[in-house]
C-alpha atoms as a PDB file:
ATOM      1  CA  SER A   1      72.460  57.241  73.264  1.00  0.00           C
ATOM      2  CA  TYR A   2      70.563  60.307  74.780  1.00  0.00           C
ATOM      3  CA  THR A   3      68.464  62.848  74.270  1.00  0.00           C
ATOM      4  CA  LYS A   4      69.452  66.267  76.102  1.00  0.00           C
ATOM      5  CA  MET A   5      66.135  66.929  78.574  1.00  0.00           C
ATOM      6  CA  TRP A   6      67.219  70.696  80.127  1.00  0.00           C
ATOM      7  CA  ASP A   7      70.615  71.915  81.366  1.00  0.00           C
ATOM      8  CA  ASP A   8      71.023  75.189  83.247  1.00  0.00           C
ATOM      9  CA  ARG A   9      72.954  77.538  80.978  1.00  0.00           C
ATOM     10  CA  SER A  10      69.532  79.512  80.892  1.00  0.00           C
ATOM     11  CA  ASN A  11      69.453  79.749  84.512  1.00  0.00           C
ATOM     12  CA  SER A  12      69.532  83.330  86.023  1.00  0.00           C
ATOM     13  CA  SER A  13      70.441  82.127  89.305  1.00  0.00           C
ATOM     14  CA  LYS A  14      74.311  80.622  89.992  1.00  0.00           C
ATOM     15  CA  LEU A  15      75.462  77.800  87.160  1.00  0.00           C
ATOM     16  CA  CYS A  16      75.876  74.332  88.549  1.00  0.00           C
ATOM     17  CA  HIS A  17      76.529  73.262  85.352  1.00  0.00           C
ATOM     18  CA  ALA A  18      73.929  70.446  85.461  1.00  0.00           C
ATOM     19  CA  SER A  19      72.808  68.673  82.526  1.00  0.00           C
ATOM     20  CA  ILE A  20      69.327  66.072  82.761  1.00  0.00           C
ATOM     21  CA  PHE A  21      69.473  63.340  79.399  1.00  0.00           C
ATOM     22  CA  ARG A  22      67.010  60.924  78.766  1.00  0.00           C
ATOM     23  CA  PRO A  23      68.303  57.052  77.676  1.00  0.00           C
ATOM     24  CA  ARG A  24      66.838  56.425  74.322  1.00  0.00           C
ATOM     25  CA  PRO A  25      66.069  52.823  74.671  1.00  0.00           C
ATOM     26  CA  PRO A  26      66.246  50.339  71.211  1.00  0.00           C
ATOM     27  CA  HIS A  27      62.659  49.373  70.330  1.00  0.00           C
ATOM     28  CA  GLY A  28      61.097  46.751  73.211  1.00  0.00           C
ATOM     29  CA  PHE A  29      63.245  48.386  75.408  1.00  0.00           C
ATOM     30  CA  ARG A  30      62.393  50.787  78.907  1.00  0.00           C
ATOM     31  CA  PHE A  31      64.655  52.740  80.426  1.00  0.00           C
ATOM     32  CA  PHE A  32      64.926  53.186  84.226  1.00  0.00           C
ATOM     33  CA  GLY A  33      64.918  56.777  84.587  1.00  0.00           C
ATOM     34  CA  ASP A  34      67.049  60.314  83.443  1.00  0.00           C
ATOM     35  CA  TYR A  35      70.821  61.022  83.732  1.00  0.00           C
ATOM     36  CA  ALA A  36      71.881  63.813  85.330  1.00  0.00           C
ATOM     37  CA  GLU A  37      75.339  65.080  84.899  1.00  0.00           C
ATOM     38  CA  ARG A  38      77.567  67.974  86.627  1.00  0.00           C
ATOM     39  CA  THR A  39      80.816  69.139  84.747  1.00  0.00           C
ATOM     40  CA  LEU A  40      83.851  70.261  86.853  1.00  0.00           C
ATOM     41  CA  LEU A  41      84.490  72.664  84.703  1.00  0.00           C
ATOM     42  CA  HIS A  42      83.865  76.255  86.115  1.00  0.00           C
ATOM     43  CA  HIS A  43      82.416  77.604  82.623  1.00  0.00           C
ATOM     44  CA  PRO A  44      79.622  75.450  80.770  1.00  0.00           C
ATOM     45  CA  LEU A  45      81.248  73.263  77.718  1.00  0.00           C
ATOM     46  CA  THR A  46      80.636  74.620  74.503  1.00  0.00           C
ATOM     47  CA  HIS A  47      81.350  71.119  72.916  1.00  0.00           C
ATOM     48  CA  ASN A  48      80.146  68.314  73.376  1.00  0.00           C
ATOM     49  CA  PHE A  49      76.968  69.295  75.090  1.00  0.00           C
ATOM     50  CA  GLU A  50      74.481  67.063  74.116  1.00  0.00           C
ATOM     51  CA  ASN A  51      75.809  63.457  75.403  1.00  0.00           C
ATOM     52  CA  PRO A  52      76.798  62.920  78.536  1.00  0.00           C
ATOM     53  CA  ALA A  53      80.877  62.713  78.757  1.00  0.00           C
ATOM     54  CA  SER A  54      80.763  59.162  81.047  1.00  0.00           C
ATOM     55  CA  SER A  55      77.209  57.258  81.534  1.00  0.00           C
ATOM     56  CA  ILE A  56      75.740  53.760  81.301  1.00  0.00           C
ATOM     57  CA  PRO A  57      72.434  54.206  80.443  1.00  0.00           C
ATOM     58  CA  LEU A  58      70.431  50.842  82.397  1.00  0.00           C
ATOM     59  CA  VAL A  59      67.508  49.503  80.331  1.00  0.00           C
ATOM     60  CA  VAL A  60      65.755  46.393  80.091  1.00  0.00           C
ATOM     61  CA  ARG A  61      63.268  44.304  78.409  1.00  0.00           C
ATOM     62  CA  GLU A  62      60.454  41.328  79.294  1.00  0.00           C
ATOM     63  CA  GLU A  63      61.395  37.868  77.659  1.00  0.00           C
ATOM     64  CA  ALA A  64      58.651  35.369  77.486  1.00  0.00           C
ATOM     65  CA  LYS A  65      57.550  34.009  81.031  1.00  0.00           C
ATOM     66  CA  GLU A  66      58.667  30.963  82.339  1.00  0.00           C
ATOM     67  CA  PRO A  67      56.181  29.043  84.466  1.00  0.00           C
ATOM     68  CA  ILE A  68      56.907  30.060  88.430  1.00  0.00           C
ATOM     69  CA  ALA A  69      56.095  26.891  90.319  1.00  0.00           C
ATOM     70  CA  GLY A  70      52.765  27.759  92.212  1.00  0.00           C
ATOM     71  CA  LEU A  71      51.807  30.261  90.025  1.00  0.00           C
ATOM     72  CA  ARG A  72      49.193  30.198  87.738  1.00  0.00           C
ATOM     73  CA  ASN A  73      49.523  33.603  85.815  1.00  0.00           C
ATOM     74  CA  PRO A  74      52.735  35.142  87.467  1.00  0.00           C
ATOM     75  CA  PRO A  75      52.916  38.850  87.451  1.00  0.00           C
ATOM     76  CA  PRO A  76      55.143  41.193  84.351  1.00  0.00           C
ATOM     77  CA  LEU A  77      58.191  42.140  85.207  1.00  0.00           C
ATOM     78  CA  LEU A  78      58.051  45.289  84.618  1.00  0.00           C
ATOM     79  CA  SER A  79      54.710  47.944  85.121  1.00  0.00           C
ATOM     80  CA  LEU A  80      53.742  51.085  84.805  1.00  0.00           C
ATOM     81  CA  PRO A  81      54.027  54.093  87.658  1.00  0.00           C
ATOM     82  CA  LYS A  82      50.746  54.493  89.314  1.00  0.00           C
ATOM     83  CA  ASP A  83      51.212  58.171  89.827  1.00  0.00           C
ATOM     84  CA  TYR A  84      54.404  60.230  89.831  1.00  0.00           C
ATOM     85  CA  THR A  85      55.366  62.403  93.286  1.00  0.00           C
ATOM     86  CA  LYS A  86      57.348  65.663  92.636  1.00  0.00           C
ATOM     87  CA  LEU A  87      60.819  65.211  94.551  1.00  0.00           C
ATOM     88  CA  TRP A  88      62.378  68.935  93.226  1.00  0.00           C
ATOM     89  CA  SER A  89      61.082  71.510  91.264  1.00  0.00           C
ATOM     90  CA  ARG A  90      63.662  74.747  90.126  1.00  0.00           C
ATOM     91  CA  GLY A  91      62.165  77.126  87.305  1.00  0.00           C
ATOM     92  CA  PRO A  92      60.890  75.147  84.477  1.00  0.00           C
ATOM     93  CA  VAL A  93      62.404  71.532  85.471  1.00  0.00           C
ATOM     94  CA  SER A  94      60.782  69.033  88.333  1.00  0.00           C
ATOM     95  CA  ILE A  95      62.469  65.657  89.333  1.00  0.00           C
ATOM     96  CA  TRP A  96      59.943  63.245  89.955  1.00  0.00           C
ATOM     97  CA  LYS A  97      59.949  59.947  91.731  1.00  0.00           C
ATOM     98  CA  PRO A  98      57.626  57.336  90.454  1.00  0.00           C
ATOM     99  CA  ASN A  99      55.077  55.494  92.467  1.00  0.00           C
ATOM    100  CA  PRO A 100      54.531  52.152  91.748  1.00  0.00           C
ATOM    101  CA  PRO A 101      51.913  49.210  91.411  1.00  0.00           C
ATOM    102  CA  GLU A 102      52.069  47.160  94.894  1.00  0.00           C
ATOM    103  CA  GLN A 103      54.700  44.706  94.806  1.00  0.00           C
ATOM    104  CA  TYR A 104      56.828  46.601  92.063  1.00  0.00           C
ATOM    105  CA  VAL A 105      59.361  49.564  93.175  1.00  0.00           C
ATOM    106  CA  ALA A 106      60.877  52.601  91.162  1.00  0.00           C
ATOM    107  CA  LEU A 107      64.929  52.136  90.317  1.00  0.00           C
ATOM    108  CA  GLY A 108      64.755  55.468  89.259  1.00  0.00           C
ATOM    109  CA  CYS A 109      63.591  59.208  88.530  1.00  0.00           C
ATOM    110  CA  VAL A 110      62.321  61.347  85.832  1.00  0.00           C
ATOM    111  CA  MET A 111      62.515  65.213  84.981  1.00  0.00           C
ATOM    112  CA  SER A 112      59.901  67.163  83.284  1.00  0.00           C
ATOM    113  CA  THR A 113      59.372  70.285  82.070  1.00  0.00           C
ATOM    114  CA  LYS A 114      56.000  70.423  82.440  1.00  0.00           C
ATOM    115  CA  GLU A 115      53.600  69.780  85.860  1.00  0.00           C
END
């Protein structure tokens, strides 16, 4: 399931019919990024606007660690970002790329309505 984060229906410029959704992962799981969707219609949808039409949210959880040969304390599979870099902004919406710690990679971007 998803939480709707934003859509461009209240945008005063030309509508792109864009919506951004955030996956709601089960307890103990983390999501890899928000989901953006663009409709193919010439007008905004007036129904089913609370969930994307078709998507696959990517969520993961870390299981108990098994020993890795040669490593006494292997690093965790998942790590929180050190910071974020703003990629795009329009009106109240910004898209951010997570800056991962060394030896990790970011697998998605997130949106925010705050700086």
